[in-house]
Amino acid sequence: MRHGKILVVEDDPMLRMDATLLFEEAGFDVAEFDSADDALAYVWDCTEEVAAIFTDVEMLGSASGFDLAAIVISAWPHIAVLVTSGFHSDAPDDLPSRARFIPKPWHPAEVLGFVKGNVSHH
């Protein structure tokens, strides 16, 4: 079963692994990144492969998860974006309406429900 690639963008290796396993077990192809900058570079090169992005907010690099969400939704509206954070309890007012925010610790069913509900099956 293939739905398109999910990008997991998280600087904490354990949380990144947890999210990757969650998506892989649900039948998704996953690409992992530890910064929004690296994930954005991948999206530029492989736009058609990417179905959704699950990103943390605070990471090393010049872009935050909020920046990544704004850029991706503006340039590639077909990509679903789910943003999570342990430091922010709410999404900022300027988060695009098509992006969704959930605080950490996130629940696997909520994360999978969002992705499955927003990713078209190819």
PDB file of N, CA and C in Angstrom:
ATOM      1  N   MET A   1       0.855  -1.177   0.000  1.00  0.00           N
ATOM      2  CA  MET A   1       0.000   0.000   0.000  1.00  0.00           C
ATOM      3  C   MET A   1       0.894   1.232   0.000  1.00  0.00           C
ATOM      4  N   ARG A   2       0.738   2.115  -0.956  1.00  0.00           N
ATOM      5  CA  ARG A   2       1.570   3.309  -1.047  1.00  0.00           C
ATOM      6  C   ARG A   2       0.691   4.547  -1.158  1.00  0.00           C
ATOM      7  N   HIS A   3       1.008   5.539  -0.378  1.00  0.00           N
ATOM      8  CA  HIS A   3       0.212   6.761  -0.328  1.00  0.00           C
ATOM      9  C   HIS A   3       0.992   8.003  -0.719  1.00  0.00           C
ATOM     10  N   GLY A   4       2.258   7.866  -1.073  1.00  0.00           N
ATOM     11  CA  GLY A   4       3.103   9.040  -1.211  1.00  0.00           C
ATOM     12  C   GLY A   4       4.016   9.110  -0.010  1.00  0.00           C
ATOM     13  N   LYS A   5       5.044   9.906  -0.115  1.00  0.00           N
ATOM     14  CA  LYS A   5       6.059   9.949   0.936  1.00  0.00           C
ATOM     15  C   LYS A   5       5.684  10.929   2.041  1.00  0.00           C
ATOM     16  N   ILE A   6       5.965  10.515   3.274  1.00  0.00           N
ATOM     17  CA  ILE A   6       5.775  11.364   4.450  1.00  0.00           C
ATOM     18  C   ILE A   6       7.158  11.819   4.897  1.00  0.00           C
ATOM     19  N   LEU A   7       7.337  13.118   5.090  1.00  0.00           N
ATOM     20  CA  LEU A   7       8.591  13.624   5.629  1.00  0.00           C
ATOM     21  C   LEU A   7       8.437  13.815   7.129  1.00  0.00           C
ATOM     22  N   VAL A   8       9.330  13.215   7.891  1.00  0.00           N
ATOM     23  CA  VAL A   8       9.371  13.396   9.334  1.00  0.00           C
ATOM     24  C   VAL A   8      10.544  14.325   9.614  1.00  0.00           C
ATOM     25  N   VAL A   9      10.251  15.497  10.186  1.00  0.00           N
ATOM     26  CA  VAL A   9      11.262  16.519  10.429  1.00  0.00           C
ATOM     27  C   VAL A   9      11.323  16.763  11.939  1.00  0.00           C
ATOM     28  N   GLU A  10      12.355  16.208  12.560  1.00  0.00           N
ATOM     29  CA  GLU A  10      12.467  16.215  14.021  1.00  0.00           C
ATOM     30  C   GLU A  10      13.930  16.087  14.394  1.00  0.00           C
ATOM     31  N   ASP A  11      14.432  16.983  15.271  1.00  0.00           N
ATOM     32  CA  ASP A  11      15.849  16.920  15.633  1.00  0.00           C
ATOM     33  C   ASP A  11      16.152  15.924  16.746  1.00  0.00           C
ATOM     34  N   ASP A  12      15.145  15.462  17.470  1.00  0.00           N
ATOM     35  CA  ASP A  12      15.351  14.460  18.512  1.00  0.00           C
ATOM     36  C   ASP A  12      15.313  13.074  17.857  1.00  0.00           C
ATOM     37  N   PRO A  13      16.449  12.344  17.869  1.00  0.00           N
ATOM     38  CA  PRO A  13      16.506  11.057  17.158  1.00  0.00           C
ATOM     39  C   PRO A  13      15.450  10.049  17.615  1.00  0.00           C
ATOM     40  N   MET A  14      15.150  10.001  18.905  1.00  0.00           N
ATOM     41  CA  MET A  14      14.161   9.033  19.396  1.00  0.00           C
ATOM     42  C   MET A  14      12.750   9.386  18.916  1.00  0.00           C
ATOM     43  N   LEU A  15      12.393  10.655  18.977  1.00  0.00           N
ATOM     44  CA  LEU A  15      11.068  11.068  18.511  1.00  0.00           C
ATOM     45  C   LEU A  15      10.945  10.891  16.997  1.00  0.00           C
ATOM     46  N   ARG A  16      12.032  11.166  16.282  1.00  0.00           N
ATOM     47  CA  ARG A  16      12.037  10.972  14.832  1.00  0.00           C
ATOM     48  C   ARG A  16      11.825   9.497  14.499  1.00  0.00           C
ATOM     49  N   MET A  17      12.501   8.615  15.241  1.00  0.00           N
ATOM     50  CA  MET A  17      12.352   7.183  15.014  1.00  0.00           C
ATOM     51  C   MET A  17      10.916   6.725  15.330  1.00  0.00           C
ATOM     52  N   ASP A  18      10.354   7.228  16.430  1.00  0.00           N
ATOM     53  CA  ASP A  18       8.972   6.865  16.795  1.00  0.00           C
ATOM     54  C   ASP A  18       8.000   7.241  15.681  1.00  0.00           C
ATOM     55  N   ALA A  19       8.125   8.457  15.163  1.00  0.00           N
ATOM     56  CA  ALA A  19       7.218   8.921  14.112  1.00  0.00           C
ATOM     57  C   ALA A  19       7.430   8.132  12.827  1.00  0.00           C
ATOM     58  N   THR A  20       8.688   7.870  12.496  1.00  0.00           N
ATOM     59  CA  THR A  20       8.991   7.103  11.284  1.00  0.00           C
ATOM     60  C   THR A  20       8.376   5.712  11.351  1.00  0.00           C
ATOM     61  N   LEU A  21       8.545   5.033  12.482  1.00  0.00           N
ATOM     62  CA  LEU A  21       7.965   3.697  12.643  1.00  0.00           C
ATOM     63  C   LEU A  21       6.443   3.738  12.564  1.00  0.00           C
ATOM     64  N   LEU A  22       5.832   4.743  13.153  1.00  0.00           N
ATOM     65  CA  LEU A  22       4.382   4.894  13.108  1.00  0.00           C
ATOM     66  C   LEU A  22       3.888   4.932  11.659  1.00  0.00           C
ATOM     67  N   PHE A  23       4.526   5.763  10.846  1.00  0.00           N
ATOM     68  CA  PHE A  23       4.105   5.897   9.449  1.00  0.00           C
ATOM     69  C   PHE A  23       4.443   4.649   8.632  1.00  0.00           C
ATOM     70  N   GLU A  24       5.634   4.068   8.861  1.00  0.00           N
ATOM     71  CA  GLU A  24       6.013   2.868   8.100  1.00  0.00           C
ATOM     72  C   GLU A  24       5.066   1.709   8.386  1.00  0.00           C
ATOM     73  N   GLU A  25       4.698   1.549   9.654  1.00  0.00           N
ATOM     74  CA  GLU A  25       3.779   0.469  10.022  1.00  0.00           C
ATOM     75  C   GLU A  25       2.391   0.676   9.425  1.00  0.00           C
ATOM     76  N   ALA A  26       2.055   1.936   9.101  1.00  0.00           N
ATOM     77  CA  ALA A  26       0.773   2.240   8.470  1.00  0.00           C
ATOM     78  C   ALA A  26       0.859   2.149   6.943  1.00  0.00           C
ATOM     79  N   GLY A  27       2.032   1.774   6.409  1.00  0.00           N
ATOM     80  CA  GLY A  27       2.180   1.563   4.984  1.00  0.00           C
ATOM     81  C   GLY A  27       2.706   2.734   4.185  1.00  0.00           C
ATOM     82  N   PHE A  28       3.229   3.747   4.866  1.00  0.00           N
ATOM     83  CA  PHE A  28       3.760   4.921   4.172  1.00  0.00           C
ATOM     84  C   PHE A  28       5.257   4.791   3.926  1.00  0.00           C
ATOM     85  N   ASP A  29       5.738   5.402   2.844  1.00  0.00           N
ATOM     86  CA  ASP A  29       7.170   5.603   2.634  1.00  0.00           C
ATOM     87  C   ASP A  29       7.545   6.839   3.437  1.00  0.00           C
ATOM     88  N   VAL A  30       8.691   6.798   4.101  1.00  0.00           N
ATOM     89  CA  VAL A  30       9.102   7.898   4.977  1.00  0.00           C
ATOM     90  C   VAL A  30      10.510   8.360   4.629  1.00  0.00           C
ATOM     91  N   ALA A  31      10.709   9.674   4.659  1.00  0.00           N
ATOM     92  CA  ALA A  31      12.040  10.264   4.592  1.00  0.00           C
ATOM     93  C   ALA A  31      12.223  11.074   5.868  1.00  0.00           C
ATOM     94  N   GLU A  32      13.370  10.913   6.521  1.00  0.00           N
ATOM     95  CA  GLU A  32      13.641  11.580   7.800  1.00  0.00           C
ATOM     96  C   GLU A  32      14.630  12.723   7.633  1.00  0.00           C
ATOM     97  N   PHE A  33      14.375  13.803   8.388  1.00  0.00           N
ATOM     98  CA  PHE A  33      15.272  14.962   8.380  1.00  0.00           C
ATOM     99  C   PHE A  33      15.377  15.507   9.791  1.00  0.00           C
ATOM    100  N   ASP A  34      16.563  16.072  10.124  1.00  0.00           N
ATOM    101  CA  ASP A  34      16.727  16.660  11.454  1.00  0.00           C
ATOM    102  C   ASP A  34      16.652  18.185  11.431  1.00  0.00           C
ATOM    103  N   SER A  35      16.355  18.761  10.251  1.00  0.00           N
ATOM    104  CA  SER A  35      16.171  20.213  10.177  1.00  0.00           C
ATOM    105  C   SER A  35      15.153  20.560   9.104  1.00  0.00           C
ATOM    106  N   ALA A  36      14.483  21.677   9.295  1.00  0.00           N
ATOM    107  CA  ALA A  36      13.524  22.163   8.301  1.00  0.00           C
ATOM    108  C   ALA A  36      14.239  22.542   7.010  1.00  0.00           C
ATOM    109  N   ASP A  37      15.468  23.047   7.119  1.00  0.00           N
ATOM    110  CA  ASP A  37      16.247  23.422   5.933  1.00  0.00           C
ATOM    111  C   ASP A  37      16.464  22.212   5.019  1.00  0.00           C
ATOM    112  N   ASP A  38      16.879  21.079   5.606  1.00  0.00           N
ATOM    113  CA  ASP A  38      17.123  19.876   4.809  1.00  0.00           C
ATOM    114  C   ASP A  38      15.822  19.340   4.207  1.00  0.00           C
ATOM    115  N   ALA A  39      14.747  19.388   4.981  1.00  0.00           N
ATOM    116  CA  ALA A  39      13.458  18.920   4.476  1.00  0.00           C
ATOM    117  C   ALA A  39      12.988  19.790   3.307  1.00  0.00           C
ATOM    118  N   LEU A  40      13.166  21.087   3.430  1.00  0.00           N
ATOM    119  CA  LEU A  40      12.745  22.000   2.366  1.00  0.00           C
ATOM    120  C   LEU A  40      13.547  21.753   1.089  1.00  0.00           C
ATOM    121  N   ALA A  41      14.833  21.502   1.231  1.00  0.00           N
ATOM    122  CA  ALA A  41      15.662  21.190   0.065  1.00  0.00           C
ATOM    123  C   ALA A  41      15.156  19.921  -0.621  1.00  0.00           C
ATOM    124  N   TYR A  42      14.745  18.938   0.167  1.00  0.00           N
ATOM    125  CA  TYR A  42      14.209  17.699  -0.402  1.00  0.00           C
ATOM    126  C   TYR A  42      12.896  17.968  -1.146  1.00  0.00           C
ATOM    127  N   VAL A  43      12.027  18.770  -0.555  1.00  0.00           N
ATOM    128  CA  VAL A  43      10.744  19.077  -1.200  1.00  0.00           C
ATOM    129  C   VAL A  43      10.982  19.779  -2.534  1.00  0.00           C
ATOM    130  N   TRP A  44      11.930  20.690  -2.587  1.00  0.00           N
ATOM    131  CA  TRP A  44      12.251  21.379  -3.848  1.00  0.00           C
ATOM    132  C   TRP A  44      12.622  20.375  -4.925  1.00  0.00           C
ATOM    133  N   ASP A  45      13.411  19.357  -4.544  1.00  0.00           N
ATOM    134  CA  ASP A  45      13.902  18.378  -5.519  1.00  0.00           C
ATOM    135  C   ASP A  45      12.907  17.280  -5.851  1.00  0.00           C
ATOM    136  N   CYS A  46      12.032  16.941  -4.925  1.00  0.00           N
ATOM    137  CA  CYS A  46      11.161  15.762  -5.070  1.00  0.00           C
ATOM    138  C   CYS A  46       9.703  16.088  -4.763  1.00  0.00           C
ATOM    139  N   THR A  47       9.237  17.240  -5.199  1.00  0.00           N
ATOM    140  CA  THR A  47       7.903  17.723  -4.866  1.00  0.00           C
ATOM    141  C   THR A  47       6.811  16.694  -5.113  1.00  0.00           C
ATOM    142  N   GLU A  48       6.848  16.031  -6.264  1.00  0.00           N
ATOM    143  CA  GLU A  48       5.775  15.107  -6.630  1.00  0.00           C
ATOM    144  C   GLU A  48       5.697  13.880  -5.727  1.00  0.00           C
ATOM    145  N   GLU A  49       6.811  13.528  -5.069  1.00  0.00           N
ATOM    146  CA  GLU A  49       6.822  12.365  -4.181  1.00  0.00           C
ATOM    147  C   GLU A  49       6.190  12.655  -2.827  1.00  0.00           C
ATOM    148  N   VAL A  50       6.186  13.920  -2.405  1.00  0.00           N
ATOM    149  CA  VAL A  50       5.828  14.266  -1.032  1.00  0.00           C
ATOM    150  C   VAL A  50       4.323  14.446  -0.888  1.00  0.00           C
ATOM    151  N   ALA A  51       3.745  13.686   0.049  1.00  0.00           N
ATOM    152  CA  ALA A  51       2.310  13.783   0.316  1.00  0.00           C
ATOM    153  C   ALA A  51       2.025  14.582   1.581  1.00  0.00           C
ATOM    154  N   ALA A  52       2.908  14.462   2.590  1.00  0.00           N
ATOM    155  CA  ALA A  52       2.675  15.129   3.869  1.00  0.00           C
ATOM    156  C   ALA A  52       3.991  15.341   4.601  1.00  0.00           C
ATOM    157  N   ILE A  53       3.961  16.319   5.501  1.00  0.00           N
ATOM    158  CA  ILE A  53       5.118  16.626   6.344  1.00  0.00           C
ATOM    159  C   ILE A  53       4.650  16.671   7.792  1.00  0.00           C
ATOM    160  N   PHE A  54       5.371  15.956   8.657  1.00  0.00           N
ATOM    161  CA  PHE A  54       5.139  15.985  10.101  1.00  0.00           C
ATOM    162  C   PHE A  54       6.389  16.603  10.699  1.00  0.00           C
ATOM    163  N   THR A  55       6.279  17.834  11.218  1.00  0.00           N
ATOM    164  CA  THR A  55       7.464  18.574  11.635  1.00  0.00           C
ATOM    165  C   THR A  55       7.387  19.118  13.053  1.00  0.00           C
ATOM    166  N   ASP A  56       8.524  19.076  13.722  1.00  0.00           N
ATOM    167  CA  ASP A  56       8.716  19.761  14.995  1.00  0.00           C
ATOM    168  C   ASP A  56       8.873  21.249  14.680  1.00  0.00           C
ATOM    169  N   VAL A  57       8.812  22.095  15.703  1.00  0.00           N
ATOM    170  CA  VAL A  57       8.972  23.539  15.505  1.00  0.00           C
ATOM    171  C   VAL A  57      10.417  23.965  15.692  1.00  0.00           C
ATOM    172  N   GLU A  58      10.979  23.677  16.856  1.00  0.00           N
ATOM    173  CA  GLU A  58      12.312  24.166  17.216  1.00  0.00           C
ATOM    174  C   GLU A  58      13.383  23.178  16.787  1.00  0.00           C
ATOM    175  N   MET A  59      14.220  23.586  15.821  1.00  0.00           N
ATOM    176  CA  MET A  59      15.311  22.741  15.334  1.00  0.00           C
ATOM    177  C   MET A  59      16.494  23.627  14.978  1.00  0.00           C
ATOM    178  N   LEU A  60      17.644  23.003  14.772  1.00  0.00           N
ATOM    179  CA  LEU A  60      18.799  23.742  14.291  1.00  0.00           C
ATOM    180  C   LEU A  60      18.540  24.187  12.857  1.00  0.00           C
ATOM    181  N   GLY A  61      19.245  25.213  12.437  1.00  0.00           N
ATOM    182  CA  GLY A  61      19.085  25.696  11.074  1.00  0.00           C
ATOM    183  C   GLY A  61      18.361  27.030  11.046  1.00  0.00           C
ATOM    184  N   SER A  62      18.178  27.541   9.846  1.00  0.00           N
ATOM    185  CA  SER A  62      17.605  28.881   9.714  1.00  0.00           C
ATOM    186  C   SER A  62      16.082  28.889   9.722  1.00  0.00           C
ATOM    187  N   ALA A  63      15.446  27.741   9.508  1.00  0.00           N
ATOM    188  CA  ALA A  63      13.991  27.689   9.429  1.00  0.00           C
ATOM    189  C   ALA A  63      13.409  26.853  10.566  1.00  0.00           C
ATOM    190  N   SER A  64      12.284  27.298  11.092  1.00  0.00           N
ATOM    191  CA  SER A  64      11.558  26.531  12.110  1.00  0.00           C
ATOM    192  C   SER A  64      10.496  25.684  11.414  1.00  0.00           C
ATOM    193  N   GLY A  65       9.839  24.835  12.187  1.00  0.00           N
ATOM    194  CA  GLY A  65       8.731  24.065  11.636  1.00  0.00           C
ATOM    195  C   GLY A  65       7.593  24.962  11.166  1.00  0.00           C
ATOM    196  N   PHE A  66       7.383  26.086  11.851  1.00  0.00           N
ATOM    197  CA  PHE A  66       6.352  27.033  11.416  1.00  0.00           C
ATOM    198  C   PHE A  66       6.736  27.639  10.062  1.00  0.00           C
ATOM    199  N   ASP A  67       8.024  27.976   9.894  1.00  0.00           N
ATOM    200  CA  ASP A  67       8.501  28.496   8.605  1.00  0.00           C
ATOM    201  C   ASP A  67       8.289  27.464   7.504  1.00  0.00           C
ATOM    202  N   LEU A  68       8.663  26.226   7.794  1.00  0.00           N
ATOM    203  CA  LEU A  68       8.516  25.148   6.829  1.00  0.00           C
ATOM    204  C   LEU A  68       7.056  25.002   6.406  1.00  0.00           C
ATOM    205  N   ALA A  69       6.138  25.020   7.375  1.00  0.00           N
ATOM    206  CA  ALA A  69       4.712  24.894   7.063  1.00  0.00           C
ATOM    207  C   ALA A  69       4.248  26.016   6.148  1.00  0.00           C
ATOM    208  N   ALA A  70       4.637  27.246   6.465  1.00  0.00           N
ATOM    209  CA  ALA A  70       4.193  28.395   5.667  1.00  0.00           C
ATOM    210  C   ALA A  70       4.721  28.312   4.236  1.00  0.00           C
ATOM    211  N   ILE A  71       5.985  27.965   4.079  1.00  0.00           N
ATOM    212  CA  ILE A  71       6.592  27.885   2.746  1.00  0.00           C
ATOM    213  C   ILE A  71       5.951  26.767   1.931  1.00  0.00           C
ATOM    214  N   VAL A  72       5.827  25.586   2.535  1.00  0.00           N
ATOM    215  CA  VAL A  72       5.302  24.426   1.803  1.00  0.00           C
ATOM    216  C   VAL A  72       3.855  24.651   1.385  1.00  0.00           C
ATOM    217  N   ILE A  73       3.029  25.132   2.277  1.00  0.00           N
ATOM    218  CA  ILE A  73       1.612  25.305   1.935  1.00  0.00           C
ATOM    219  C   ILE A  73       1.424  26.404   0.898  1.00  0.00           C
ATOM    220  N   SER A  74       2.269  27.411   0.935  1.00  0.00           N
ATOM    221  CA  SER A  74       2.183  28.474  -0.061  1.00  0.00           C
ATOM    222  C   SER A  74       2.616  27.970  -1.440  1.00  0.00           C
ATOM    223  N   ALA A  75       3.722  27.243  -1.486  1.00  0.00           N
ATOM    224  CA  ALA A  75       4.282  26.817  -2.772  1.00  0.00           C
ATOM    225  C   ALA A  75       3.679  25.519  -3.308  1.00  0.00           C
ATOM    226  N   TRP A  76       3.314  24.623  -2.405  1.00  0.00           N
ATOM    227  CA  TRP A  76       2.816  23.300  -2.797  1.00  0.00           C
ATOM    228  C   TRP A  76       1.566  22.957  -1.988  1.00  0.00           C
ATOM    229  N   PRO A  77       0.434  23.520  -2.329  1.00  0.00           N
ATOM    230  CA  PRO A  77      -0.774  23.331  -1.514  1.00  0.00           C
ATOM    231  C   PRO A  77      -1.274  21.889  -1.435  1.00  0.00           C
ATOM    232  N   HIS A  78      -0.776  21.009  -2.287  1.00  0.00           N
ATOM    233  CA  HIS A  78      -1.217  19.609  -2.233  1.00  0.00           C
ATOM    234  C   HIS A  78      -0.566  18.841  -1.082  1.00  0.00           C
ATOM    235  N   ILE A  79       0.476  19.399  -0.470  1.00  0.00           N
ATOM    236  CA  ILE A  79       1.175  18.712   0.614  1.00  0.00           C
ATOM    237  C   ILE A  79       0.520  19.055   1.949  1.00  0.00           C
ATOM    238  N   ALA A  80       0.109  18.032   2.685  1.00  0.00           N
ATOM    239  CA  ALA A  80      -0.475  18.219   4.015  1.00  0.00           C
ATOM    240  C   ALA A  80       0.652  18.468   5.019  1.00  0.00           C
ATOM    241  N   VAL A  81       0.415  19.378   5.977  1.00  0.00           N
ATOM    242  CA  VAL A  81       1.448  19.706   6.965  1.00  0.00           C
ATOM    243  C   VAL A  81       0.868  19.622   8.371  1.00  0.00           C
ATOM    244  N   LEU A  82       1.551  18.843   9.221  1.00  0.00           N
ATOM    245  CA  LEU A  82       1.199  18.697  10.628  1.00  0.00           C
ATOM    246  C   LEU A  82       2.406  19.152  11.445  1.00  0.00           C
ATOM    247  N   VAL A  83       2.197  20.137  12.312  1.00  0.00           N
ATOM    248  CA  VAL A  83       3.270  20.743  13.105  1.00  0.00           C
ATOM    249  C   VAL A  83       3.078  20.343  14.560  1.00  0.00           C
ATOM    250  N   THR A  84       4.174  19.987  15.237  1.00  0.00           N
ATOM    251  CA  THR A  84       4.105  19.621  16.645  1.00  0.00           C
ATOM    252  C   THR A  84       5.201  20.334  17.427  1.00  0.00           C
ATOM    253  N   SER A  85       4.968  20.543  18.719  1.00  0.00           N
ATOM    254  CA  SER A  85       5.968  21.193  19.559  1.00  0.00           C
ATOM    255  C   SER A  85       5.722  20.898  21.027  1.00  0.00           C
ATOM    256  N   GLY A  86       6.829  20.770  21.760  1.00  0.00           N
ATOM    257  CA  GLY A  86       6.742  20.646  23.206  1.00  0.00           C
ATOM    258  C   GLY A  86       6.884  21.993  23.898  1.00  0.00           C
ATOM    259  N   PHE A  87       7.280  23.027  23.148  1.00  0.00           N
ATOM    260  CA  PHE A  87       7.512  24.350  23.716  1.00  0.00           C
ATOM    261  C   PHE A  87       6.363  25.310  23.446  1.00  0.00           C
ATOM    262  N   HIS A  88       5.600  25.053  22.402  1.00  0.00           N
ATOM    263  CA  HIS A  88       4.472  25.910  22.047  1.00  0.00           C
ATOM    264  C   HIS A  88       3.191  25.140  22.328  1.00  0.00           C
ATOM    265  N   SER A  89       2.275  25.732  23.058  1.00  0.00           N
ATOM    266  CA  SER A  89       1.029  25.028  23.350  1.00  0.00           C
ATOM    267  C   SER A  89      -0.038  25.306  22.300  1.00  0.00           C
ATOM    268  N   ASP A  90       0.166  26.347  21.512  1.00  0.00           N
ATOM    269  CA  ASP A  90      -0.789  26.707  20.470  1.00  0.00           C
ATOM    270  C   ASP A  90      -0.045  27.050  19.192  1.00  0.00           C
ATOM    271  N   ALA A  91      -0.753  26.946  18.092  1.00  0.00           N
ATOM    272  CA  ALA A  91      -0.186  27.372  16.824  1.00  0.00           C
ATOM    273  C   ALA A  91      -0.170  28.896  16.783  1.00  0.00           C
ATOM    274  N   PRO A  92       0.804  29.484  16.113  1.00  0.00           N
ATOM    275  CA  PRO A  92       0.801  30.944  15.974  1.00  0.00           C
ATOM    276  C   PRO A  92      -0.329  31.373  15.046  1.00  0.00           C
ATOM    277  N   ASP A  93      -0.725  32.615  15.183  1.00  0.00           N
ATOM    278  CA  ASP A  93      -1.822  33.139  14.367  1.00  0.00           C
ATOM    279  C   ASP A  93      -1.511  33.088  12.881  1.00  0.00           C
ATOM    280  N   ASP A  94      -0.232  33.138  12.520  1.00  0.00           N
ATOM    281  CA  ASP A  94       0.114  33.149  11.101  1.00  0.00           C
ATOM    282  C   ASP A  94       0.344  31.753  10.510  1.00  0.00           C
ATOM    283  N   LEU A  95       0.082  30.687  11.291  1.00  0.00           N
ATOM    284  CA  LEU A  95       0.177  29.352  10.719  1.00  0.00           C
ATOM    285  C   LEU A  95      -0.925  29.200   9.670  1.00  0.00           C
ATOM    286  N   PRO A  96      -0.579  28.737   8.479  1.00  0.00           N
ATOM    287  CA  PRO A  96      -1.599  28.616   7.437  1.00  0.00           C
ATOM    288  C   PRO A  96      -2.782  27.763   7.895  1.00  0.00           C
ATOM    289  N   SER A  97      -3.969  28.126   7.470  1.00  0.00           N
ATOM    290  CA  SER A  97      -5.172  27.430   7.925  1.00  0.00           C
ATOM    291  C   SER A  97      -5.184  25.966   7.502  1.00  0.00           C
ATOM    292  N   ARG A  98      -4.473  25.628   6.422  1.00  0.00           N
ATOM    293  CA  ARG A  98      -4.440  24.236   5.976  1.00  0.00           C
ATOM    294  C   ARG A  98      -3.472  23.389   6.798  1.00  0.00           C
ATOM    295  N   ALA A  99      -2.593  24.015   7.562  1.00  0.00           N
ATOM    296  CA  ALA A  99      -1.690  23.259   8.435  1.00  0.00           C
ATOM    297  C   ALA A  99      -2.414  23.001   9.749  1.00  0.00           C
ATOM    298  N   ARG A 100      -2.026  21.925  10.410  1.00  0.00           N
ATOM    299  CA  ARG A 100      -2.626  21.608  11.699  1.00  0.00           C
ATOM    300  C   ARG A 100      -1.515  21.564  12.734  1.00  0.00           C
ATOM    301  N   PHE A 101      -1.831  21.994  13.948  1.00  0.00           N
ATOM    302  CA  PHE A 101      -0.863  21.992  15.042  1.00  0.00           C
ATOM    303  C   PHE A 101      -1.344  21.056  16.134  1.00  0.00           C
ATOM    304  N   ILE A 102      -0.447  20.225  16.660  1.00  0.00           N
ATOM    305  CA  ILE A 102      -0.756  19.431  17.846  1.00  0.00           C
ATOM    306  C   ILE A 102       0.432  19.526  18.805  1.00  0.00           C
ATOM    307  N   PRO A 103       0.151  19.690  20.098  1.00  0.00           N
ATOM    308  CA  PRO A 103       1.249  19.775  21.068  1.00  0.00           C
ATOM    309  C   PRO A 103       1.853  18.401  21.355  1.00  0.00           C
ATOM    310  N   LYS A 104       3.114  18.410  21.786  1.00  0.00           N
ATOM    311  CA  LYS A 104       3.747  17.186  22.277  1.00  0.00           C
ATOM    312  C   LYS A 104       3.350  17.019  23.739  1.00  0.00           C
ATOM    313  N   PRO A 105       3.246  15.824  24.247  1.00  0.00           N
ATOM    314  CA  PRO A 105       3.420  14.577  23.516  1.00  0.00           C
ATOM    315  C   PRO A 105       2.211  14.303  22.624  1.00  0.00           C
ATOM    316  N   TRP A 106       2.467  13.986  21.364  1.00  0.00           N
ATOM    317  CA  TRP A 106       1.386  13.707  20.431  1.00  0.00           C
ATOM    318  C   TRP A 106       0.941  12.254  20.580  1.00  0.00           C
ATOM    319  N   HIS A 107      -0.267  12.017  20.139  1.00  0.00           N
ATOM    320  CA  HIS A 107      -0.834  10.668  20.219  1.00  0.00           C
ATOM    321  C   HIS A 107      -0.818  10.042  18.824  1.00  0.00           C
ATOM    322  N   PRO A 108      -0.309   8.820  18.701  1.00  0.00           N
ATOM    323  CA  PRO A 108      -0.205   8.184  17.390  1.00  0.00           C
ATOM    324  C   PRO A 108      -1.504   8.203  16.585  1.00  0.00           C
ATOM    325  N   ALA A 109      -2.636   7.943  17.232  1.00  0.00           N
ATOM    326  CA  ALA A 109      -3.902   7.905  16.497  1.00  0.00           C
ATOM    327  C   ALA A 109      -4.240   9.271  15.909  1.00  0.00           C
ATOM    328  N   GLU A 110      -3.920  10.347  16.640  1.00  0.00           N
ATOM    329  CA  GLU A 110      -4.204  11.690  16.145  1.00  0.00           C
ATOM    330  C   GLU A 110      -3.319  12.031  14.941  1.00  0.00           C
ATOM    331  N   VAL A 111      -2.054  11.674  15.029  1.00  0.00           N
ATOM    332  CA  VAL A 111      -1.114  11.940  13.936  1.00  0.00           C
ATOM    333  C   VAL A 111      -1.515  11.152  12.690  1.00  0.00           C
ATOM    334  N   LEU A 112      -1.757   9.860  12.856  1.00  0.00           N
ATOM    335  CA  LEU A 112      -2.145   9.030  11.708  1.00  0.00           C
ATOM    336  C   LEU A 112      -3.488   9.466  11.139  1.00  0.00           C
ATOM    337  N   GLY A 113      -4.417   9.838  12.004  1.00  0.00           N
ATOM    338  CA  GLY A 113      -5.723  10.285  11.537  1.00  0.00           C
ATOM    339  C   GLY A 113      -5.614  11.510  10.640  1.00  0.00           C
ATOM    340  N   PHE A 114      -4.770  12.465  11.031  1.00  0.00           N
ATOM    341  CA  PHE A 114      -4.572  13.663  10.209  1.00  0.00           C
ATOM    342  C   PHE A 114      -3.983  13.290   8.864  1.00  0.00           C
ATOM    343  N   VAL A 115      -2.923  12.510   8.882  1.00  0.00           N
ATOM    344  CA  VAL A 115      -2.243  12.174   7.627  1.00  0.00           C
ATOM    345  C   VAL A 115      -3.154  11.374   6.714  1.00  0.00           C
ATOM    346  N   LYS A 116      -3.808  10.354   7.243  1.00  0.00           N
ATOM    347  CA  LYS A 116      -4.691   9.538   6.421  1.00  0.00           C
ATOM    348  C   LYS A 116      -5.855  10.366   5.864  1.00  0.00           C
ATOM    349  N   GLY A 117      -6.315  11.330   6.645  1.00  0.00           N
ATOM    350  CA  GLY A 117      -7.433  12.172   6.199  1.00  0.00           C
ATOM    351  C   GLY A 117      -7.041  13.226   5.179  1.00  0.00           C
ATOM    352  N   ASN A 118      -5.745  13.485   5.034  1.00  0.00           N
ATOM    353  CA  ASN A 118      -5.286  14.557   4.145  1.00  0.00           C
ATOM    354  C   ASN A 118      -4.396  14.091   2.998  1.00  0.00           C
ATOM    355  N   VAL A 119      -4.119  12.811   2.937  1.00  0.00           N
ATOM    356  CA  VAL A 119      -3.259  12.290   1.888  1.00  0.00           C
ATOM    357  C   VAL A 119      -4.109  11.461   0.932  1.00  0.00           C
ATOM    358  N   SER A 120      -4.080  11.853  -0.327  1.00  0.00           N
ATOM    359  CA  SER A 120      -4.849  11.090  -1.314  1.00  0.00           C
ATOM    360  C   SER A 120      -4.115   9.806  -1.629  1.00  0.00           C
ATOM    361  N   HIS A 121      -4.866   8.782  -1.923  1.00  0.00           N
ATOM    362  CA  HIS A 121      -4.288   7.482  -2.250  1.00  0.00           C
ATOM    363  C   HIS A 121      -4.021   7.419  -3.742  1.00  0.00           C
ATOM    364  N   HIS A 122      -2.798   7.110  -4.086  1.00  0.00           N
ATOM    365  CA  HIS A 122      -2.403   7.035  -5.500  1.00  0.00           C
ATOM    366  C   HIS A 122      -2.501   5.613  -5.973  1.00  0.00           C
TER     367      HIS A 122
END
